Protein backbone atom coordinates (compact mmCIF):
# COMPACT_ATOMS: atom_id res chain seq x y z
CA MET A 1 94.00 96.13 101.04
CA GLU A 2 91.89 99.26 101.00
CA MET A 3 93.55 102.68 100.80
CA ASN A 4 93.34 104.85 103.90
CA ILE A 5 94.00 108.60 103.74
CA THR A 6 94.07 110.88 106.78
CA PHE A 7 94.63 114.61 107.11
CA SER A 8 96.65 116.03 109.97
CA GLU A 9 94.79 118.64 111.98
CA ARG A 10 97.16 121.29 110.63
CA ALA A 11 96.56 120.27 106.99
CA ALA A 12 92.78 120.32 107.45
CA GLN A 13 92.95 123.76 109.07
CA GLU A 14 95.10 125.13 106.25
CA ILE A 15 92.76 123.81 103.56
CA GLU A 16 89.75 125.30 105.38
CA LYS A 17 91.60 128.63 105.68
CA LEU A 18 92.53 128.69 101.97
CA TYR A 19 89.24 127.23 100.70
CA PRO A 20 86.35 127.80 103.14
CA ASN A 21 84.03 125.89 100.76
CA ALA A 22 86.39 122.90 100.41
CA GLY A 23 83.68 120.47 101.49
CA GLU A 24 81.60 121.49 98.47
CA LYS A 25 84.35 120.70 95.96
CA ASN A 26 85.83 117.48 94.60
CA LEU A 27 89.30 116.98 96.07
CA LYS A 28 91.49 114.69 94.02
CA LEU A 29 94.87 113.18 94.89
CA LYS A 30 96.39 113.25 91.44
CA TYR A 31 99.50 111.51 90.19
CA ASP A 32 100.47 114.19 87.69
CA THR A 33 102.75 113.22 84.82
CA GLU A 34 102.17 116.30 82.64
CA ASP A 35 105.44 117.68 81.22
CA THR A 36 107.51 114.96 82.92
CA GLY A 37 108.09 112.93 79.77
CA CYS A 38 107.46 109.62 81.53
CA VAL A 39 104.63 108.01 83.46
CA MET A 40 107.16 106.80 86.04
CA CYS A 41 108.31 110.37 86.77
CA GLY A 42 105.04 111.77 88.05
CA VAL A 43 104.43 113.75 91.21
CA THR A 44 101.48 113.66 93.58
CA VAL A 45 99.41 116.83 93.90
CA LEU A 46 96.07 117.80 95.37
CA TRP A 47 93.56 119.24 92.94
CA PHE A 48 90.09 120.63 93.39
CA VAL A 49 88.32 119.57 90.18
CA LYS A 50 84.95 120.35 88.60
CA GLU A 51 84.43 116.95 87.04
CA LEU A 52 85.40 113.50 88.20
CA SER A 53 86.23 110.63 85.91
CA GLU A 54 83.93 107.59 85.97
CA SER A 55 86.87 105.54 87.18
CA ASP A 56 87.82 107.84 90.08
CA GLU A 57 87.58 106.02 93.38
CA LYS A 58 86.16 107.82 96.41
CA ILE A 59 88.22 107.45 99.60
CA GLU A 60 86.56 108.56 102.84
CA THR A 61 88.96 110.43 105.13
CA ASN A 62 88.80 112.11 108.52
CA ALA A 63 88.07 115.43 106.76
CA TRP A 64 86.72 115.34 103.18
CA PRO A 65 86.38 112.59 100.62
CA VAL A 66 89.41 112.34 98.36
CA TYR A 67 89.24 110.87 94.87
CA VAL A 68 92.04 108.83 93.31
CA GLU A 69 92.55 107.23 89.92
CA PRO A 70 92.71 103.45 90.50
CA SER A 71 95.18 103.06 87.62
CA LYS A 72 97.65 105.26 89.55
CA ASN A 73 97.35 103.38 92.87
CA VAL A 74 100.56 101.55 92.01
CA PHE A 75 102.38 104.85 92.75
CA LEU A 76 100.66 105.29 96.13
CA ASP A 77 100.73 103.38 99.42
CA ASP A 78 97.76 101.89 101.27
CA GLU A 79 98.21 104.15 104.32
CA LEU A 80 98.66 107.84 103.47
CA LYS A 81 98.79 111.00 105.56
CA ILE A 82 98.43 114.51 104.21
CA ASP A 83 100.20 117.04 106.41
CA TYR A 84 101.02 120.74 106.17
CA VAL A 85 104.61 121.98 106.29
CA GLU A 86 104.39 125.47 107.77
CA SER A 87 108.00 126.45 107.04
CA ALA A 88 107.61 125.63 103.33
CA HIS A 89 103.95 126.74 103.00
CA CYS A 90 102.97 123.51 101.28
CA PHE A 91 101.48 120.11 101.96
CA SER A 92 103.25 116.78 102.26
CA LEU A 93 102.17 113.24 101.48
CA LYS A 94 103.62 110.49 103.65
CA SER A 95 103.13 106.82 104.33
CA PRO A 96 104.56 104.84 107.24
CA GLY A 97 107.50 103.81 105.04
CA GLN A 98 108.29 106.85 102.93
CA ILE A 99 107.66 110.46 102.00
CA LEU A 100 105.90 110.47 98.63
CA ASN A 101 105.98 114.25 98.20
CA ALA A 102 107.54 116.60 100.76
CA ARG A 103 106.31 119.71 98.91
CA MET A 104 102.88 118.86 97.55
CA SER A 105 100.81 121.58 95.89
CA LEU A 106 97.10 122.19 96.32
CA ILE A 107 95.67 123.63 93.10
CA ASP A 108 92.11 124.75 92.46
CA LYS A 109 91.38 123.53 88.92
CA THR A 110 87.75 124.70 89.22
CA ILE A 111 88.81 128.28 88.54
CA ASN A 112 89.12 129.15 84.87
């Protein structure tokens, strides 16, 4: 099955507010394992990146394309929704069956 990612209206508005040029950047849904000590203990985050890997897969969404690493798809679900949690000032990643990250960060890795 093909992966489907959608942004809630609130999440899209928040990204546009924070990054008015978001459509000009590469947005990546990253399964980050840095400093976790184990590949199974990663956390999903959103990154704006300068460069994409040759293996990154482009997923069309209702807002901007999102890139994912196919080798990390095992940690994701086929149907994903990115929402914004106003009370916590962060994003969330959900599927119909679970919350993958209730407090997901959006980090601009294009800034040095």
